[in-house]
Amino acid sequence: MYAIIETGGKQYRAEPGTVIQVESLEGDVGTVIEIQDVRCIHGEGEPIFGHPTINSAAVKAEIVRHGRTRTIRVFKKKRRKNYRRTKGHRQGFTQIRIAEIVNPS
């Protein structure tokens, strides 16, 4: 059984027991969170699709760790104008372990 969830403006495939890396979420390590934005649930039989989400469906997950990704370089330049700017960016993330999928039916 798996579910398609949305968090941080992105969609992820969530299966019980898997660890996924999502955009930063509030909460301490070890906290159990509940994600309400479930787009699709597929298990035994036909898949259930939401319009846009499935009412009363949820995915429970445990926060494993918080971190930041590798540095990316942002470089701006305008030719012949002696204009150069270099900036770095590290995006924050949260790793969560999917505990269970709460199916409304």
PDB file of N, CA and C in Angstrom:
ATOM      1  N   MET A   1       0.848  -1.177   0.000  1.00  0.00           N
ATOM      2  CA  MET A   1       0.000   0.000   0.000  1.00  0.00           C
ATOM      3  C   MET A   1       0.889   1.233   0.000  1.00  0.00           C
ATOM      4  N   TYR A   2       0.514   2.210  -0.810  1.00  0.00           N
ATOM      5  CA  TYR A   2       1.244   3.463  -0.842  1.00  0.00           C
ATOM      6  C   TYR A   2       0.272   4.621  -1.004  1.00  0.00           C
ATOM      7  N   ALA A   3       0.767   5.821  -0.704  1.00  0.00           N
ATOM      8  CA  ALA A   3      -0.038   7.037  -0.829  1.00  0.00           C
ATOM      9  C   ALA A   3       0.815   8.108  -1.488  1.00  0.00           C
ATOM     10  N   ILE A   4       0.159   8.988  -2.208  1.00  0.00           N
ATOM     11  CA  ILE A   4       0.817  10.160  -2.765  1.00  0.00           C
ATOM     12  C   ILE A   4       0.445  11.336  -1.868  1.00  0.00           C
ATOM     13  N   ILE A   5       1.462  11.941  -1.236  1.00  0.00           N
ATOM     14  CA  ILE A   5       1.209  13.045  -0.313  1.00  0.00           C
ATOM     15  C   ILE A   5       1.829  14.317  -0.876  1.00  0.00           C
ATOM     16  N   GLU A   6       1.346  15.454  -0.377  1.00  0.00           N
ATOM     17  CA  GLU A   6       1.908  16.735  -0.784  1.00  0.00           C
ATOM     18  C   GLU A   6       2.338  17.492   0.457  1.00  0.00           C
ATOM     19  N   THR A   7       3.582  17.940   0.450  1.00  0.00           N
ATOM     20  CA  THR A   7       4.103  18.770   1.522  1.00  0.00           C
ATOM     21  C   THR A   7       5.193  19.658   0.953  1.00  0.00           C
ATOM     22  N   GLY A   8       5.187  20.906   1.340  1.00  0.00           N
ATOM     23  CA  GLY A   8       6.183  21.850   0.855  1.00  0.00           C
ATOM     24  C   GLY A   8       6.048  22.158  -0.626  1.00  0.00           C
ATOM     25  N   GLY A   9       4.840  21.990  -1.184  1.00  0.00           N
ATOM     26  CA  GLY A   9       4.622  22.279  -2.597  1.00  0.00           C
ATOM     27  C   GLY A   9       5.068  21.180  -3.536  1.00  0.00           C
ATOM     28  N   LYS A  10       5.487  20.043  -2.996  1.00  0.00           N
ATOM     29  CA  LYS A  10       5.941  18.921  -3.821  1.00  0.00           C
ATOM     30  C   LYS A  10       5.166  17.665  -3.437  1.00  0.00           C
ATOM     31  N   GLN A  11       5.099  16.715  -4.347  1.00  0.00           N
ATOM     32  CA  GLN A  11       4.386  15.465  -4.095  1.00  0.00           C
ATOM     33  C   GLN A  11       5.389  14.331  -3.944  1.00  0.00           C
ATOM     34  N   TYR A  12       5.089  13.415  -3.010  1.00  0.00           N
ATOM     35  CA  TYR A  12       5.974  12.301  -2.705  1.00  0.00           C
ATOM     36  C   TYR A  12       5.170  11.015  -2.626  1.00  0.00           C
ATOM     37  N   ARG A  13       5.821   9.904  -2.954  1.00  0.00           N
ATOM     38  CA  ARG A  13       5.221   8.581  -2.795  1.00  0.00           C
ATOM     39  C   ARG A  13       5.624   8.060  -1.416  1.00  0.00           C
ATOM     40  N   ALA A  14       4.628   7.777  -0.581  1.00  0.00           N
ATOM     41  CA  ALA A  14       4.886   7.363   0.799  1.00  0.00           C
ATOM     42  C   ALA A  14       4.418   5.934   1.003  1.00  0.00           C
ATOM     43  N   GLU A  15       5.335   5.069   1.412  1.00  0.00           N
ATOM     44  CA  GLU A  15       5.021   3.690   1.768  1.00  0.00           C
ATOM     45  C   GLU A  15       5.431   3.480   3.219  1.00  0.00           C
ATOM     46  N   PRO A  16       4.672   2.686   3.980  1.00  0.00           N
ATOM     47  CA  PRO A  16       5.044   2.454   5.377  1.00  0.00           C
ATOM     48  C   PRO A  16       6.455   1.874   5.492  1.00  0.00           C
ATOM     49  N   GLY A  17       7.243   2.466   6.388  1.00  0.00           N
ATOM     50  CA  GLY A  17       8.603   2.003   6.630  1.00  0.00           C
ATOM     51  C   GLY A  17       9.677   2.726   5.836  1.00  0.00           C
ATOM     52  N   THR A  18       9.305   3.493   4.826  1.00  0.00           N
ATOM     53  CA  THR A  18      10.312   4.183   4.022  1.00  0.00           C
ATOM     54  C   THR A  18      10.670   5.530   4.640  1.00  0.00           C
ATOM     55  N   VAL A  19      11.870   5.995   4.329  1.00  0.00           N
ATOM     56  CA  VAL A  19      12.340   7.304   4.787  1.00  0.00           C
ATOM     57  C   VAL A  19      12.414   8.213   3.564  1.00  0.00           C
ATOM     58  N   ILE A  20      11.740   9.361   3.640  1.00  0.00           N
ATOM     59  CA  ILE A  20      11.780  10.310   2.532  1.00  0.00           C
ATOM     60  C   ILE A  20      12.278  11.654   3.031  1.00  0.00           C
ATOM     61  N   GLN A  21      12.870  12.407   2.127  1.00  0.00           N
ATOM     62  CA  GLN A  21      13.420  13.723   2.450  1.00  0.00           C
ATOM     63  C   GLN A  21      12.493  14.776   1.870  1.00  0.00           C
ATOM     64  N   VAL A  22      11.899  15.599   2.735  1.00  0.00           N
ATOM     65  CA  VAL A  22      10.934  16.617   2.320  1.00  0.00           C
ATOM     66  C   VAL A  22      11.443  17.994   2.707  1.00  0.00           C
ATOM     67  N   GLU A  23      10.736  19.024   2.270  1.00  0.00           N
ATOM     68  CA  GLU A  23      11.078  20.385   2.671  1.00  0.00           C
ATOM     69  C   GLU A  23      10.952  20.510   4.197  1.00  0.00           C
ATOM     70  N   SER A  24      11.597  21.489   4.785  1.00  0.00           N
ATOM     71  CA  SER A  24      11.653  21.628   6.239  1.00  0.00           C
ATOM     72  C   SER A  24      10.266  21.662   6.873  1.00  0.00           C
ATOM     73  N   LEU A  25      10.102  20.887   7.944  1.00  0.00           N
ATOM     74  CA  LEU A  25       8.865  20.834   8.710  1.00  0.00           C
ATOM     75  C   LEU A  25       9.142  21.236  10.151  1.00  0.00           C
ATOM     76  N   GLU A  26       8.111  21.748  10.812  1.00  0.00           N
ATOM     77  CA  GLU A  26       8.227  22.097  12.226  1.00  0.00           C
ATOM     78  C   GLU A  26       8.200  20.822  13.066  1.00  0.00           C
ATOM     79  N   GLY A  27       8.931  20.820  14.175  1.00  0.00           N
ATOM     80  CA  GLY A  27       8.901  19.700  15.098  1.00  0.00           C
ATOM     81  C   GLY A  27      10.297  19.220  15.435  1.00  0.00           C
ATOM     82  N   ASP A  28      10.382  18.548  16.574  1.00  0.00           N
ATOM     83  CA  ASP A  28      11.653  18.009  17.031  1.00  0.00           C
ATOM     84  C   ASP A  28      11.841  16.595  16.493  1.00  0.00           C
ATOM     85  N   VAL A  29      13.082  16.125  16.554  1.00  0.00           N
ATOM     86  CA  VAL A  29      13.384  14.766  16.125  1.00  0.00           C
ATOM     87  C   VAL A  29      12.655  13.786  17.039  1.00  0.00           C
ATOM     88  N   GLY A  30      12.005  12.799  16.456  1.00  0.00           N
ATOM     89  CA  GLY A  30      11.244  11.815  17.224  1.00  0.00           C
ATOM     90  C   GLY A  30       9.761  12.139  17.319  1.00  0.00           C
ATOM     91  N   THR A  31       9.371  13.340  16.935  1.00  0.00           N
ATOM     92  CA  THR A  31       7.967  13.735  16.981  1.00  0.00           C
ATOM     93  C   THR A  31       7.197  13.048  15.861  1.00  0.00           C
ATOM     94  N   VAL A  32       5.987  12.583  16.176  1.00  0.00           N
ATOM     95  CA  VAL A  32       5.119  11.986  15.166  1.00  0.00           C
ATOM     96  C   VAL A  32       4.226  13.086  14.604  1.00  0.00           C
ATOM     97  N   ILE A  33       4.260  13.251  13.280  1.00  0.00           N
ATOM     98  CA  ILE A  33       3.450  14.259  12.624  1.00  0.00           C
ATOM     99  C   ILE A  33       2.396  13.564  11.760  1.00  0.00           C
ATOM    100  N   GLU A  34       1.367  14.309  11.414  1.00  0.00           N
ATOM    101  CA  GLU A  34       0.294  13.774  10.578  1.00  0.00           C
ATOM    102  C   GLU A  34       0.144  14.687   9.367  1.00  0.00           C
ATOM    103  N   ILE A  35       0.269  14.123   8.181  1.00  0.00           N
ATOM    104  CA  ILE A  35       0.150  14.879   6.942  1.00  0.00           C
ATOM    105  C   ILE A  35      -1.253  14.635   6.389  1.00  0.00           C
ATOM    106  N   GLN A  36      -2.028  15.711   6.262  1.00  0.00           N
ATOM    107  CA  GLN A  36      -3.428  15.615   5.838  1.00  0.00           C
ATOM    108  C   GLN A  36      -3.605  15.678   4.322  1.00  0.00           C
ATOM    109  N   ASP A  37      -2.633  16.236   3.605  1.00  0.00           N
ATOM    110  CA  ASP A  37      -2.759  16.408   2.156  1.00  0.00           C
ATOM    111  C   ASP A  37      -2.410  15.115   1.435  1.00  0.00           C
ATOM    112  N   VAL A  38      -3.381  14.203   1.355  1.00  0.00           N
ATOM    113  CA  VAL A  38      -3.201  12.920   0.683  1.00  0.00           C
ATOM    114  C   VAL A  38      -3.920  12.997  -0.658  1.00  0.00           C
ATOM    115  N   ARG A  39      -3.173  12.846  -1.738  1.00  0.00           N
ATOM    116  CA  ARG A  39      -3.738  12.964  -3.083  1.00  0.00           C
ATOM    117  C   ARG A  39      -4.302  11.639  -3.591  1.00  0.00           C
ATOM    118  N   CYS A  40      -3.638  10.534  -3.266  1.00  0.00           N
ATOM    119  CA  CYS A  40      -4.032   9.230  -3.808  1.00  0.00           C
ATOM    120  C   CYS A  40      -3.622   8.152  -2.821  1.00  0.00           C
ATOM    121  N   ILE A  41      -4.450   7.119  -2.714  1.00  0.00           N
ATOM    122  CA  ILE A  41      -4.110   5.932  -1.924  1.00  0.00           C
ATOM    123  C   ILE A  41      -4.318   4.720  -2.821  1.00  0.00           C
ATOM    124  N   HIS A  42      -3.297   3.861  -2.872  1.00  0.00           N
ATOM    125  CA  HIS A  42      -3.399   2.653  -3.679  1.00  0.00           C
ATOM    126  C   HIS A  42      -3.011   1.472  -2.809  1.00  0.00           C
ATOM    127  N   GLY A  43      -3.908   0.542  -2.680  1.00  0.00           N
ATOM    128  CA  GLY A  43      -3.643  -0.646  -1.883  1.00  0.00           C
ATOM    129  C   GLY A  43      -4.271  -1.836  -2.561  1.00  0.00           C
ATOM    130  N   GLU A  44      -5.104  -2.544  -1.834  1.00  0.00           N
ATOM    131  CA  GLU A  44      -5.829  -3.656  -2.422  1.00  0.00           C
ATOM    132  C   GLU A  44      -6.977  -3.081  -3.244  1.00  0.00           C
ATOM    133  N   GLY A  45      -7.158  -3.578  -4.458  1.00  0.00           N
ATOM    134  CA  GLY A  45      -8.261  -3.108  -5.298  1.00  0.00           C
ATOM    135  C   GLY A  45      -7.912  -1.838  -6.049  1.00  0.00           C
ATOM    136  N   GLU A  46      -8.948  -1.049  -6.313  1.00  0.00           N
ATOM    137  CA  GLU A  46      -8.799   0.165  -7.105  1.00  0.00           C
ATOM    138  C   GLU A  46      -8.170   1.294  -6.285  1.00  0.00           C
ATOM    139  N   PRO A  47      -7.387   2.167  -6.941  1.00  0.00           N
ATOM    140  CA  PRO A  47      -6.839   3.326  -6.224  1.00  0.00           C
ATOM    141  C   PRO A  47      -7.938   4.339  -5.932  1.00  0.00           C
ATOM    142  N   ILE A  48      -7.743   5.116  -4.861  1.00  0.00           N
ATOM    143  CA  ILE A  48      -8.672   6.175  -4.466  1.00  0.00           C
ATOM    144  C   ILE A  48      -7.987   7.505  -4.759  1.00  0.00           C
ATOM    145  N   PHE A  49      -8.638   8.345  -5.560  1.00  0.00           N
ATOM    146  CA  PHE A  49      -8.086   9.643  -5.906  1.00  0.00           C
ATOM    147  C   PHE A  49      -8.909  10.729  -5.232  1.00  0.00           C
ATOM    148  N   GLY A  50      -8.237  11.806  -4.809  1.00  0.00           N
ATOM    149  CA  GLY A  50      -8.920  12.935  -4.199  1.00  0.00           C
ATOM    150  C   GLY A  50      -9.135  14.048  -5.202  1.00  0.00           C
ATOM    151  N   HIS A  51     -10.027  14.958  -4.848  1.00  0.00           N
ATOM    152  CA  HIS A  51     -10.323  16.104  -5.712  1.00  0.00           C
ATOM    153  C   HIS A  51     -10.226  17.388  -4.929  1.00  0.00           C
ATOM    154  N   PRO A  52      -9.133  17.978  -4.593  1.00  0.00           N
ATOM    155  CA  PRO A  52      -7.768  17.549  -4.865  1.00  0.00           C
ATOM    156  C   PRO A  52      -7.208  16.598  -3.807  1.00  0.00           C
ATOM    157  N   THR A  53      -7.776  16.571  -2.593  1.00  0.00           N
ATOM    158  CA  THR A  53      -7.267  15.659  -1.563  1.00  0.00           C
ATOM    159  C   THR A  53      -8.389  14.739  -1.096  1.00  0.00           C
ATOM    160  N   ILE A  54      -8.001  13.665  -0.424  1.00  0.00           N
ATOM    161  CA  ILE A  54      -8.961  12.706   0.114  1.00  0.00           C
ATOM    162  C   ILE A  54      -9.346  13.150   1.512  1.00  0.00           C
ATOM    163  N   ASN A  55     -10.639  13.330   1.744  1.00  0.00           N
ATOM    164  CA  ASN A  55     -11.116  13.735   3.070  1.00  0.00           C
ATOM    165  C   ASN A  55     -10.892  12.603   4.065  1.00  0.00           C
ATOM    166  N   SER A  56     -10.503  12.956   5.267  1.00  0.00           N
ATOM    167  CA  SER A  56     -10.280  12.062   6.410  1.00  0.00           C
ATOM    168  C   SER A  56      -9.169  11.036   6.183  1.00  0.00           C
ATOM    169  N   ALA A  57      -8.354  11.199   5.171  1.00  0.00           N
ATOM    170  CA  ALA A  57      -7.178  10.347   4.993  1.00  0.00           C
ATOM    171  C   ALA A  57      -5.964  11.096   5.526  1.00  0.00           C
ATOM    172  N   ALA A  58      -5.011  10.361   6.056  1.00  0.00           N
ATOM    173  CA  ALA A  58      -3.811  10.981   6.606  1.00  0.00           C
ATOM    174  C   ALA A  58      -2.652  10.003   6.545  1.00  0.00           C
ATOM    175  N   VAL A  59      -1.462  10.543   6.628  1.00  0.00           N
ATOM    176  CA  VAL A  59      -0.251   9.734   6.702  1.00  0.00           C
ATOM    177  C   VAL A  59       0.484  10.149   7.966  1.00  0.00           C
ATOM    178  N   LYS A  60       0.767   9.176   8.822  1.00  0.00           N
ATOM    179  CA  LYS A  60       1.505   9.444  10.056  1.00  0.00           C
ATOM    180  C   LYS A  60       2.965   9.113   9.831  1.00  0.00           C
ATOM    181  N   ALA A  61       3.840  10.040  10.247  1.00  0.00           N
ATOM    182  CA  ALA A  61       5.270   9.879  10.031  1.00  0.00           C
ATOM    183  C   ALA A  61       6.033  10.393  11.244  1.00  0.00           C
ATOM    184  N   GLU A  62       7.232   9.868  11.425  1.00  0.00           N
ATOM    185  CA  GLU A  62       8.103  10.274  12.526  1.00  0.00           C
ATOM    186  C   GLU A  62       9.275  11.063  11.942  1.00  0.00           C
ATOM    187  N   ILE A  63       9.607  12.177  12.571  1.00  0.00           N
ATOM    188  CA  ILE A  63      10.735  12.987  12.123  1.00  0.00           C
ATOM    189  C   ILE A  63      12.033  12.289  12.523  1.00  0.00           C
ATOM    190  N   VAL A  64      12.865  11.995  11.518  1.00  0.00           N
ATOM    191  CA  VAL A  64      14.130  11.297  11.760  1.00  0.00           C
ATOM    192  C   VAL A  64      15.255  12.297  12.012  1.00  0.00           C
ATOM    193  N   ARG A  65      15.364  13.323  11.147  1.00  0.00           N
ATOM    194  CA  ARG A  65      16.407  14.324  11.340  1.00  0.00           C
ATOM    195  C   ARG A  65      16.116  15.551  10.497  1.00  0.00           C
ATOM    196  N   HIS A  66      16.755  16.656  10.884  1.00  0.00           N
ATOM    197  CA  HIS A  66      16.735  17.902  10.124  1.00  0.00           C
ATOM    198  C   HIS A  66      18.139  18.121   9.577  1.00  0.00           C
ATOM    199  N   GLY A  67      18.229  18.798   8.451  1.00  0.00           N
ATOM    200  CA  GLY A  67      19.554  19.065   7.892  1.00  0.00           C
ATOM    201  C   GLY A  67      19.478  20.096   6.793  1.00  0.00           C
ATOM    202  N   ARG A  68      20.621  20.275   6.142  1.00  0.00           N
ATOM    203  CA  ARG A  68      20.696  21.201   5.012  1.00  0.00           C
ATOM    204  C   ARG A  68      21.447  20.512   3.886  1.00  0.00           C
ATOM    205  N   THR A  69      21.036  20.785   2.648  1.00  0.00           N
ATOM    206  CA  THR A  69      21.644  20.154   1.489  1.00  0.00           C
ATOM    207  C   THR A  69      23.004  20.780   1.194  1.00  0.00           C
ATOM    208  N   ARG A  70      23.658  20.276   0.158  1.00  0.00           N
ATOM    209  CA  ARG A  70      24.950  20.817  -0.259  1.00  0.00           C
ATOM    210  C   ARG A  70      24.790  22.237  -0.785  1.00  0.00           C
ATOM    211  N   THR A  71      25.863  22.989  -0.758  1.00  0.00           N
ATOM    212  CA  THR A  71      25.842  24.372  -1.219  1.00  0.00           C
ATOM    213  C   THR A  71      25.744  24.425  -2.740  1.00  0.00           C
ATOM    214  N   ILE A  72      24.852  25.294  -3.221  1.00  0.00           N
ATOM    215  CA  ILE A  72      24.850  25.592  -4.648  1.00  0.00           C
ATOM    216  C   ILE A  72      25.330  27.027  -4.806  1.00  0.00           C
ATOM    217  N   ARG A  73      26.036  27.294  -5.889  1.00  0.00           N
ATOM    218  CA  ARG A  73      26.555  28.632  -6.147  1.00  0.00           C
ATOM    219  C   ARG A  73      25.632  29.374  -7.082  1.00  0.00           C
ATOM    220  N   VAL A  74      25.296  30.594  -6.687  1.00  0.00           N
ATOM    221  CA  VAL A  74      24.492  31.482  -7.523  1.00  0.00           C
ATOM    222  C   VAL A  74      25.436  32.572  -8.000  1.00  0.00           C
ATOM    223  N   PHE A  75      25.639  32.658  -9.310  1.00  0.00           N
ATOM    224  CA  PHE A  75      26.597  33.604  -9.873  1.00  0.00           C
ATOM    225  C   PHE A  75      25.886  34.506 -10.868  1.00  0.00           C
ATOM    226  N   LYS A  76      26.012  35.808 -10.676  1.00  0.00           N
ATOM    227  CA  LYS A  76      25.429  36.796 -11.583  1.00  0.00           C
ATOM    228  C   LYS A  76      26.562  37.567 -12.239  1.00  0.00           C
ATOM    229  N   LYS A  77      26.357  37.896 -13.505  1.00  0.00           N
ATOM    230  CA  LYS A  77      27.382  38.653 -14.214  1.00  0.00           C
ATOM    231  C   LYS A  77      26.732  39.454 -15.338  1.00  0.00           C
ATOM    232  N   LYS A  78      27.232  40.686 -15.522  1.00  0.00           N
ATOM    233  CA  LYS A  78      26.835  41.494 -16.670  1.00  0.00           C
ATOM    234  C   LYS A  78      28.103  41.811 -17.440  1.00  0.00           C
ATOM    235  N   ARG A  79      28.140  41.390 -18.668  1.00  0.00           N
ATOM    236  CA  ARG A  79      29.377  41.522 -19.430  1.00  0.00           C
ATOM    237  C   ARG A  79      29.735  42.984 -19.698  1.00  0.00           C
ATOM    238  N   ARG A  80      31.032  43.211 -19.669  1.00  0.00           N
ATOM    239  CA  ARG A  80      31.623  44.535 -19.938  1.00  0.00           C
ATOM    240  C   ARG A  80      31.225  45.612 -18.941  1.00  0.00           C
ATOM    241  N   LYS A  81      30.591  45.270 -17.836  1.00  0.00           N
ATOM    242  CA  LYS A  81      30.165  46.273 -16.847  1.00  0.00           C
ATOM    243  C   LYS A  81      30.875  46.110 -15.502  1.00  0.00           C
ATOM    244  N   ASN A  82      31.780  45.143 -15.413  1.00  0.00           N
ATOM    245  CA  ASN A  82      32.497  44.851 -14.174  1.00  0.00           C
ATOM    246  C   ASN A  82      31.533  44.556 -13.024  1.00  0.00           C
ATOM    247  N   TYR A  83      30.483  43.807 -13.335  1.00  0.00           N
ATOM    248  CA  TYR A  83      29.484  43.441 -12.321  1.00  0.00           C
ATOM    249  C   TYR A  83      29.502  41.930 -12.156  1.00  0.00           C
ATOM    250  N   ARG A  84      29.921  41.479 -10.981  1.00  0.00           N
ATOM    251  CA  ARG A  84      29.942  40.049 -10.666  1.00  0.00           C
ATOM    252  C   ARG A  84      29.515  39.865  -9.223  1.00  0.00           C
ATOM    253  N   ARG A  85      28.599  38.951  -8.974  1.00  0.00           N
ATOM    254  CA  ARG A  85      28.146  38.635  -7.617  1.00  0.00           C
ATOM    255  C   ARG A  85      28.096  37.120  -7.463  1.00  0.00           C
ATOM    256  N   THR A  86      28.648  36.630  -6.375  1.00  0.00           N
ATOM    257  CA  THR A  86      28.603  35.214  -6.071  1.00  0.00           C
ATOM    258  C   THR A  86      27.900  35.043  -4.734  1.00  0.00           C
ATOM    259  N   LYS A  87      26.969  34.119  -4.701  1.00  0.00           N
ATOM    260  CA  LYS A  87      26.214  33.856  -3.492  1.00  0.00           C
ATOM    261  C   LYS A  87      26.007  32.356  -3.370  1.00  0.00           C
ATOM    262  N   GLY A  88      25.948  31.853  -2.164  1.00  0.00           N
ATOM    263  CA  GLY A  88      25.698  30.434  -1.949  1.00  0.00           C
ATOM    264  C   GLY A  88      24.343  30.228  -1.296  1.00  0.00           C
ATOM    265  N   HIS A  89      23.782  29.031  -1.475  1.00  0.00           N
ATOM    266  CA  HIS A  89      22.485  28.715  -0.870  1.00  0.00           C
ATOM    267  C   HIS A  89      22.474  27.257  -0.434  1.00  0.00           C
ATOM    268  N   ARG A  90      21.970  27.024   0.776  1.00  0.00           N
ATOM    269  CA  ARG A  90      21.773  25.664   1.278  1.00  0.00           C
ATOM    270  C   ARG A  90      20.325  25.529   1.702  1.00  0.00           C
ATOM    271  N   GLN A  91      19.594  24.623   1.068  1.00  0.00           N
ATOM    272  CA  GLN A  91      18.179  24.425   1.352  1.00  0.00           C
ATOM    273  C   GLN A  91      18.021  23.499   2.545  1.00  0.00           C
ATOM    274  N   GLY A  92      17.128  23.853   3.459  1.00  0.00           N
ATOM    275  CA  GLY A  92      16.863  23.004   4.613  1.00  0.00           C
ATOM    276  C   GLY A  92      15.928  21.863   4.246  1.00  0.00           C
ATOM    277  N   PHE A  93      16.087  20.720   4.931  1.00  0.00           N
ATOM    278  CA  PHE A  93      15.211  19.578   4.694  1.00  0.00           C
ATOM    279  C   PHE A  93      14.921  18.854   5.992  1.00  0.00           C
ATOM    280  N   THR A  94      13.915  18.002   5.954  1.00  0.00           N
ATOM    281  CA  THR A  94      13.557  17.128   7.063  1.00  0.00           C
ATOM    282  C   THR A  94      13.394  15.722   6.519  1.00  0.00           C
ATOM    283  N   GLN A  95      14.021  14.747   7.163  1.00  0.00           N
ATOM    284  CA  GLN A  95      13.805  13.348   6.792  1.00  0.00           C
ATOM    285  C   GLN A  95      12.735  12.780   7.702  1.00  0.00           C
ATOM    286  N   ILE A  96      11.737  12.123   7.084  1.00  0.00           N
ATOM    287  CA  ILE A  96      10.659  11.515   7.864  1.00  0.00           C
ATOM    288  C   ILE A  96      10.544  10.038   7.517  1.00  0.00           C
ATOM    289  N   ARG A  97      10.170   9.252   8.511  1.00  0.00           N
ATOM    290  CA  ARG A  97       9.919   7.819   8.318  1.00  0.00           C
ATOM    291  C   ARG A  97       8.415   7.613   8.366  1.00  0.00           C
ATOM    292  N   ILE A  98       7.852   7.052   7.313  1.00  0.00           N
ATOM    293  CA  ILE A  98       6.412   6.834   7.221  1.00  0.00           C
ATOM    294  C   ILE A  98       6.036   5.681   8.148  1.00  0.00           C
ATOM    295  N   ALA A  99       5.115   5.961   9.086  1.00  0.00           N
ATOM    296  CA  ALA A  99       4.678   4.949  10.042  1.00  0.00           C
ATOM    297  C   ALA A  99       3.457   4.193   9.524  1.00  0.00           C
ATOM    298  N   GLU A 100       2.420   4.933   9.151  1.00  0.00           N
ATOM    299  CA  GLU A 100       1.212   4.273   8.662  1.00  0.00           C
ATOM    300  C   GLU A 100       0.394   5.214   7.791  1.00  0.00           C
ATOM    301  N   ILE A 101      -0.474   4.602   6.978  1.00  0.00           N
ATOM    302  CA  ILE A 101      -1.394   5.338   6.127  1.00  0.00           C
ATOM    303  C   ILE A 101      -2.780   5.090   6.656  1.00  0.00           C
ATOM    304  N   VAL A 102      -3.457   6.165   7.064  1.00  0.00           N
ATOM    305  CA  VAL A 102      -4.813   6.058   7.614  1.00  0.00           C
ATOM    306  C   VAL A 102      -5.786   6.220   6.452  1.00  0.00           C
ATOM    307  N   ASN A 103      -6.457   5.120   6.113  1.00  0.00           N
ATOM    308  CA  ASN A 103      -7.376   5.087   4.977  1.00  0.00           C
ATOM    309  C   ASN A 103      -8.790   5.355   5.472  1.00  0.00           C
ATOM    310  N   PRO A 104      -9.564   6.231   4.815  1.00  0.00           N
ATOM    311  CA  PRO A 104     -10.908   6.547   5.287  1.00  0.00           C
ATOM    312  C   PRO A 104     -11.910   5.415   5.112  1.00  0.00           C
ATOM    313  N   SER A 105     -11.641   4.480   4.188  1.00  0.00           N
ATOM    314  CA  SER A 105     -12.617   3.411   3.945  1.00  0.00           C
ATOM    315  C   SER A 105     -12.267   2.117   4.620  1.00  0.00           C
TER     316      SER A 105
END
